[in-house]
Amino acid sequence: MSKWDIDPGGVASVVQKVGAQVGGADGKGGGGLVKQIEDFGDHVGDAGTAASSMPIGTALKEYVTHTSPGLKGMVSKSASCLTGAVKATKAYINGDLEMAAEAQRTAVDAPAPRIGK
């Protein structure tokens, strides 16, 4: 990166908003992505119970098992990106552009979420 022009206050604002959406303090009563993922498992379990069918219940359980790693990966990837943005901004504020560039490069270290095949 040949030139940096970072607004630390703007970064902080975005990090707070995205973190709230991921972590649950979204202010909308929805609980954020983490809570939605937890609720997903509960709702699918309730659907399996309501179906009163072993094959349907088994299929739904397998679906949750299959999709859960990808859903959790979305949280991990989001957290990694937020952490990288904070580290890069701190390095920038301290005048360490090389460290800022490294923090930016490594912000995507979390594995990409995989949902499905």
Protein backbone atom coordinates (compact mmCIF):
# COMPACT_ATOMS: atom_id res chain seq x y z
CA MET A 1 0.00 0.00 0.00
CA SER A 2 1.63 3.24 -1.11
CA LYS A 3 -0.62 5.67 0.77
CA TRP A 4 -2.80 5.40 3.81
CA ASP A 5 -5.60 7.76 4.75
CA ILE A 6 -7.44 6.23 7.68
CA ASP A 7 -10.06 7.98 9.78
CA PRO A 8 -9.65 6.26 13.18
CA GLY A 9 -13.00 7.59 14.43
CA GLY A 10 -14.72 6.25 11.33
CA VAL A 11 -13.05 2.87 11.78
CA ALA A 12 -14.12 2.78 15.43
CA SER A 13 -17.70 3.59 14.46
CA VAL A 14 -17.84 0.81 11.86
CA VAL A 15 -16.13 -1.71 14.16
CA GLN A 16 -18.64 -0.94 16.93
CA LYS A 17 -21.63 -1.25 14.60
CA VAL A 18 -20.47 -4.47 12.98
CA GLY A 19 -19.39 -5.93 16.32
CA ALA A 20 -22.83 -5.18 17.73
CA GLN A 21 -24.50 -6.90 14.79
CA VAL A 22 -22.29 -9.96 15.17
CA GLY A 23 -22.10 -10.13 18.96
CA GLY A 24 -25.66 -9.30 19.84
CA ALA A 25 -25.86 -5.71 21.00
CA ASP A 26 -27.64 -4.76 17.81
CA GLY A 27 -30.24 -2.60 19.57
CA LYS A 28 -33.02 -4.26 17.58
CA GLY A 29 -33.87 -7.02 20.01
CA GLY A 30 -32.66 -9.67 17.58
CA GLY A 31 -29.52 -10.53 19.48
CA GLY A 32 -27.14 -10.31 16.56
CA LEU A 33 -25.65 -13.08 14.48
CA VAL A 34 -24.46 -15.15 17.44
CA LYS A 35 -27.97 -15.26 18.94
CA GLN A 36 -29.56 -15.93 15.55
CA ILE A 37 -27.29 -18.95 15.07
CA GLU A 38 -28.21 -20.26 18.52
CA ASP A 39 -31.90 -19.75 17.78
CA PHE A 40 -31.52 -21.50 14.42
CA GLY A 41 -30.61 -24.78 16.10
CA ASP A 42 -33.47 -24.45 18.56
CA HIS A 43 -36.01 -23.66 15.83
CA VAL A 44 -34.94 -26.53 13.63
CA GLY A 45 -35.11 -28.84 16.67
CA ASP A 46 -38.63 -27.60 17.39
CA ALA A 47 -39.57 -28.24 13.75
CA GLY A 48 -38.30 -31.80 14.03
CA THR A 49 -40.36 -32.35 17.16
CA ALA A 50 -43.45 -30.80 15.58
CA ALA A 51 -43.08 -33.00 12.50
CA SER A 52 -43.42 -36.10 14.71
CA SER A 53 -41.52 -38.03 12.07
CA MET A 54 -38.26 -39.79 12.71
CA PRO A 55 -37.00 -39.43 9.10
CA ILE A 56 -37.77 -35.70 9.08
CA GLY A 57 -36.25 -35.22 12.53
CA THR A 58 -33.13 -37.07 11.44
CA ALA A 59 -32.84 -35.04 8.25
CA LEU A 60 -33.21 -31.77 10.15
CA LYS A 61 -30.59 -32.83 12.70
CA GLU A 62 -28.19 -33.71 9.87
CA TYR A 63 -28.90 -30.33 8.26
CA VAL A 64 -28.01 -28.47 11.48
CA THR A 65 -24.88 -30.58 11.89
CA HIS A 66 -23.89 -29.84 8.29
CA THR A 67 -24.50 -26.09 8.38
CA SER A 68 -23.33 -25.26 11.92
CA PRO A 69 -19.59 -25.08 11.11
CA GLY A 70 -20.24 -22.60 8.31
CA LEU A 71 -22.49 -20.48 10.45
CA LYS A 72 -19.94 -20.43 13.28
CA GLY A 73 -17.28 -19.66 10.67
CA MET A 74 -19.15 -16.46 9.78
CA VAL A 75 -18.73 -15.31 13.38
CA SER A 76 -15.03 -16.27 13.41
CA LYS A 77 -14.36 -14.54 10.10
CA SER A 78 -16.19 -11.41 11.23
CA ALA A 79 -14.24 -11.31 14.50
CA SER A 80 -10.95 -11.80 12.64
CA CYS A 81 -11.73 -8.93 10.28
CA LEU A 82 -12.76 -6.62 13.12
CA THR A 83 -9.63 -7.46 15.10
CA GLY A 84 -7.47 -6.86 12.03
CA ALA A 85 -9.11 -3.48 11.41
CA VAL A 86 -8.47 -2.42 15.00
CA LYS A 87 -4.84 -3.61 14.93
CA ALA A 88 -4.16 -1.94 11.59
CA THR A 89 -5.70 1.32 12.78
CA LYS A 90 -3.71 1.28 16.03
CA ALA A 91 -0.51 0.66 14.10
CA TYR A 92 -1.40 3.49 11.71
CA ILE A 93 -2.04 5.88 14.61
CA ASN A 94 1.35 4.93 16.07
CA GLY A 95 3.00 5.63 12.72
CA ASP A 96 3.95 2.02 12.01
CA LEU A 97 2.71 1.64 8.45
CA GLU A 98 4.47 -1.69 7.95
CA MET A 99 2.72 -3.15 10.99
CA ALA A 100 -0.57 -1.65 9.81
CA ALA A 101 -0.15 -3.32 6.42
CA GLU A 102 0.68 -6.64 8.11
CA ALA A 103 -2.37 -6.40 10.38
CA GLN A 104 -4.51 -5.68 7.35
CA ARG A 105 -3.09 -8.69 5.46
CA THR A 106 -3.59 -11.07 8.38
CA ALA A 107 -7.12 -9.86 9.18
CA VAL A 108 -8.49 -12.52 6.87
CA ASP A 109 -6.64 -15.40 8.54
CA ALA A 110 -9.77 -17.05 9.87
CA PRO A 111 -10.95 -19.76 7.52
CA ALA A 112 -13.71 -18.75 5.16
CA PRO A 113 -17.15 -19.94 6.24
CA ARG A 114 -18.29 -23.02 4.37
CA ILE A 115 -21.95 -23.72 4.08
CA GLY A 116 -22.85 -26.62 1.88
CA LYS A 117 -20.51 -28.40 -0.50
